[in-house]
C-alpha atoms as a PDB file:
ATOM      1  CA  UNK A   1      -4.826  32.915 -18.071  1.00  0.00           C
ATOM      2  CA  UNK A   2      -6.631  34.680 -15.204  1.00  0.00           C
ATOM      3  CA  UNK A   3      -6.635  33.063 -11.763  1.00  0.00           C
ATOM      4  CA  UNK A   4      -9.840  31.442 -10.534  1.00  0.00           C
ATOM      5  CA  UNK A   5     -11.225  30.295  -7.207  1.00  0.00           C
ATOM      6  CA  UNK A   6     -10.856  26.538  -6.913  1.00  0.00           C
ATOM      7  CA  UNK A   7     -13.330  24.545  -4.846  1.00  0.00           C
ATOM      8  CA  UNK A   8     -12.512  21.072  -6.215  1.00  0.00           C
ATOM      9  CA  UNK A   9      -9.202  19.338  -5.586  1.00  0.00           C
ATOM     10  CA  UNK A  10      -5.756  20.752  -4.887  1.00  0.00           C
ATOM     11  CA  UNK A  11      -4.963  24.367  -5.690  1.00  0.00           C
ATOM     12  CA  UNK A  12      -2.216  25.279  -8.142  1.00  0.00           C
ATOM     13  CA  UNK A  13      -0.552  28.610  -7.263  1.00  0.00           C
ATOM     14  CA  UNK A  14      -0.301  29.848 -10.854  1.00  0.00           C
ATOM     15  CA  UNK A  15      -3.931  29.004 -11.653  1.00  0.00           C
ATOM     16  CA  UNK A  16      -5.866  29.545  -8.430  1.00  0.00           C
ATOM     17  CA  UNK A  17      -6.246  32.203  -5.779  1.00  0.00           C
ATOM     18  CA  UNK A  18      -4.578  30.985  -2.587  1.00  0.00           C
ATOM     19  CA  UNK A  19      -3.840  32.159   0.933  1.00  0.00           C
ATOM     20  CA  UNK A  20      -0.193  32.795   1.791  1.00  0.00           C
ATOM     21  CA  UNK A  21       1.052  29.419   3.055  1.00  0.00           C
ATOM     22  CA  UNK A  22       4.609  30.521   3.853  1.00  0.00           C
ATOM     23  CA  UNK A  23       4.087  31.253   7.601  1.00  0.00           C
ATOM     24  CA  UNK A  24       2.341  27.896   8.047  1.00  0.00           C
ATOM     25  CA  UNK A  25       5.050  26.079   6.060  1.00  0.00           C
ATOM     26  CA  UNK A  26       7.801  27.699   8.154  1.00  0.00           C
ATOM     27  CA  UNK A  27       6.015  26.598  11.339  1.00  0.00           C
ATOM     28  CA  UNK A  28       5.725  23.002  10.080  1.00  0.00           C
ATOM     29  CA  UNK A  29       9.363  23.012   8.900  1.00  0.00           C
ATOM     30  CA  UNK A  30      10.448  24.020  12.415  1.00  0.00           C
ATOM     31  CA  UNK A  31       8.612  20.937  13.739  1.00  0.00           C
ATOM     32  CA  UNK A  32      10.227  18.723  11.086  1.00  0.00           C
ATOM     33  CA  UNK A  33      13.677  20.169  11.856  1.00  0.00           C
ATOM     34  CA  UNK A  34      13.114  19.433  15.556  1.00  0.00           C
ATOM     35  CA  UNK A  35      12.082  15.847  14.775  1.00  0.00           C
ATOM     36  CA  UNK A  36       8.541  16.460  16.014  1.00  0.00           C
ATOM     37  CA  UNK A  37       5.419  14.813  14.717  1.00  0.00           C
ATOM     38  CA  UNK A  38       2.527  16.821  13.354  1.00  0.00           C
ATOM     39  CA  UNK A  39      -0.901  16.141  11.899  1.00  0.00           C
ATOM     40  CA  UNK A  40      -2.946  18.000   9.341  1.00  0.00           C
ATOM     41  CA  UNK A  41      -6.537  17.167  10.176  1.00  0.00           C
ATOM     42  CA  UNK A  42      -9.451  19.116   8.722  1.00  0.00           C
ATOM     43  CA  UNK A  43     -12.701  18.475   6.905  1.00  0.00           C
ATOM     44  CA  UNK A  44     -13.047  18.258   3.128  1.00  0.00           C
ATOM     45  CA  UNK A  45     -11.860  21.216   1.048  1.00  0.00           C
ATOM     46  CA  UNK A  46      -9.788  22.892   3.777  1.00  0.00           C
ATOM     47  CA  UNK A  47      -6.495  22.703   1.875  1.00  0.00           C
ATOM     48  CA  UNK A  48      -4.851  19.600   3.343  1.00  0.00           C
ATOM     49  CA  UNK A  49      -3.553  18.296   0.006  1.00  0.00           C
ATOM     50  CA  UNK A  50      -2.580  21.782  -1.154  1.00  0.00           C
ATOM     51  CA  UNK A  51      -0.663  22.350   2.104  1.00  0.00           C
ATOM     52  CA  UNK A  52       1.128  18.989   1.866  1.00  0.00           C
ATOM     53  CA  UNK A  53       2.133  19.592  -1.763  1.00  0.00           C
ATOM     54  CA  UNK A  54       3.411  23.068  -0.874  1.00  0.00           C
ATOM     55  CA  UNK A  55       5.254  21.574   2.119  1.00  0.00           C
ATOM     56  CA  UNK A  56       6.963  19.009  -0.113  1.00  0.00           C
ATOM     57  CA  UNK A  57       8.180  21.811  -2.398  1.00  0.00           C
ATOM     58  CA  UNK A  58       9.223  23.901   0.633  1.00  0.00           C
ATOM     59  CA  UNK A  59      11.259  21.069   2.203  1.00  0.00           C
ATOM     60  CA  UNK A  60      12.848  19.557  -0.910  1.00  0.00           C
ATOM     61  CA  UNK A  61      16.103  21.544  -0.710  1.00  0.00           C
ATOM     62  CA  UNK A  62      16.766  20.267   2.838  1.00  0.00           C
ATOM     63  CA  UNK A  63      15.114  16.822   2.852  1.00  0.00           C
ATOM     64  CA  UNK A  64      14.379  13.833   0.632  1.00  0.00           C
ATOM     65  CA  UNK A  65      10.603  13.836   0.136  1.00  0.00           C
ATOM     66  CA  UNK A  66       8.455  10.724  -0.315  1.00  0.00           C
ATOM     67  CA  UNK A  67       4.807  11.425  -1.123  1.00  0.00           C
ATOM     68  CA  UNK A  68       2.574   8.443  -0.437  1.00  0.00           C
ATOM     69  CA  UNK A  69      -1.012   8.114  -1.584  1.00  0.00           C
ATOM     70  CA  UNK A  70      -2.964   5.511   0.364  1.00  0.00           C
ATOM     71  CA  UNK A  71      -5.772   5.768  -2.180  1.00  0.00           C
ATOM     72  CA  UNK A  72      -3.539   3.786  -4.549  1.00  0.00           C
ATOM     73  CA  UNK A  73      -3.535   0.840  -2.122  1.00  0.00           C
ATOM     74  CA  UNK A  74      -6.426  -1.579  -2.596  1.00  0.00           C
ATOM     75  CA  UNK A  75      -9.022  -1.676   0.165  1.00  0.00           C
ATOM     76  CA  UNK A  76      -8.369  -5.428   0.404  1.00  0.00           C
ATOM     77  CA  UNK A  77      -4.830  -4.636   1.541  1.00  0.00           C
ATOM     78  CA  UNK A  78      -6.201  -3.024   4.685  1.00  0.00           C
ATOM     79  CA  UNK A  79      -7.889  -6.243   5.826  1.00  0.00           C
ATOM     80  CA  UNK A  80      -4.729  -8.104   6.895  1.00  0.00           C
ATOM     81  CA  UNK A  81      -1.537  -6.702   8.369  1.00  0.00           C
ATOM     82  CA  UNK A  82       0.743  -8.689   6.046  1.00  0.00           C
ATOM     83  CA  UNK A  83      -1.089  -7.474   2.932  1.00  0.00           C
ATOM     84  CA  UNK A  84      -1.016  -3.881   4.142  1.00  0.00           C
ATOM     85  CA  UNK A  85       2.710  -3.923   4.939  1.00  0.00           C
ATOM     86  CA  UNK A  86       3.488  -5.429   1.524  1.00  0.00           C
ATOM     87  CA  UNK A  87       1.300  -2.867  -0.286  1.00  0.00           C
ATOM     88  CA  UNK A  88       2.752  -0.027   1.800  1.00  0.00           C
ATOM     89  CA  UNK A  89       6.303  -1.195   1.044  1.00  0.00           C
ATOM     90  CA  UNK A  90       5.534  -1.280  -2.692  1.00  0.00           C
ATOM     91  CA  UNK A  91       4.052   2.226  -2.567  1.00  0.00           C
ATOM     92  CA  UNK A  92       7.016   3.541  -0.579  1.00  0.00           C
ATOM     93  CA  UNK A  93       9.541   1.886  -2.887  1.00  0.00           C
ATOM     94  CA  UNK A  94       7.816   3.435  -5.887  1.00  0.00           C
ATOM     95  CA  UNK A  95       8.070   6.886  -4.264  1.00  0.00           C
ATOM     96  CA  UNK A  96      11.796   6.780  -3.551  1.00  0.00           C
ATOM     97  CA  UNK A  97      13.077   5.640  -6.951  1.00  0.00           C
ATOM     98  CA  UNK A  98      14.615   9.058  -7.594  1.00  0.00           C
ATOM     99  CA  UNK A  99      16.408   9.295  -4.230  1.00  0.00           C
ATOM    100  CA  UNK A 100      20.236   9.331  -4.140  1.00  0.00           C
ATOM    101  CA  UNK A 101      21.792   5.942  -4.891  1.00  0.00           C
ATOM    102  CA  UNK A 102      23.344   5.347  -1.440  1.00  0.00           C
ATOM    103  CA  UNK A 103      20.079   6.023   0.355  1.00  0.00           C
ATOM    104  CA  UNK A 104      18.085   4.009  -2.162  1.00  0.00           C
ATOM    105  CA  UNK A 105      20.385   0.976  -1.832  1.00  0.00           C
ATOM    106  CA  UNK A 106      19.986   0.907   1.978  1.00  0.00           C
ATOM    107  CA  UNK A 107      16.263   1.572   1.732  1.00  0.00           C
ATOM    108  CA  UNK A 108      15.645  -1.205  -0.827  1.00  0.00           C
ATOM    109  CA  UNK A 109      17.485  -3.695   1.370  1.00  0.00           C
ATOM    110  CA  UNK A 110      15.126  -2.903   4.254  1.00  0.00           C
ATOM    111  CA  UNK A 111      11.981  -3.058   2.075  1.00  0.00           C
ATOM    112  CA  UNK A 112      12.921  -6.362   0.454  1.00  0.00           C
ATOM    113  CA  UNK A 113      13.716  -7.812   3.884  1.00  0.00           C
ATOM    114  CA  UNK A 114      10.270  -6.758   5.130  1.00  0.00           C
ATOM    115  CA  UNK A 115       8.535  -8.217   2.069  1.00  0.00           C
ATOM    116  CA  UNK A 116      10.299 -11.579   2.375  1.00  0.00           C
ATOM    117  CA  UNK A 117       9.576 -11.725   6.106  1.00  0.00           C
ATOM    118  CA  UNK A 118       5.878 -10.862   5.873  1.00  0.00           C
ATOM    119  CA  UNK A 119       4.722 -12.668   2.762  1.00  0.00           C
END
């Protein structure tokens, strides 16, 4: 199948024409390695989701990756702190199910403690 220009949603390297993200990914990885915070903040259709998906693939050999989607959390959960923390914990727990057992055991203990404390 021939590549196409994508103007709706995330780009898929094998299907869509894309800019070379490697220099940008290496720059972000250096920030992650240093323990720095970073933000990806642009308008619609500037490649934020595509960059984050590529970053997850780029980092997966050195880090455990948890991809969270706040669109899956109900808008009602944003109205009260306790509801948000519970919904966030559920989303995070769902994302880390495939993590190594030792990490997952410690992580689940923390999440279940938070849920019991806040609800």
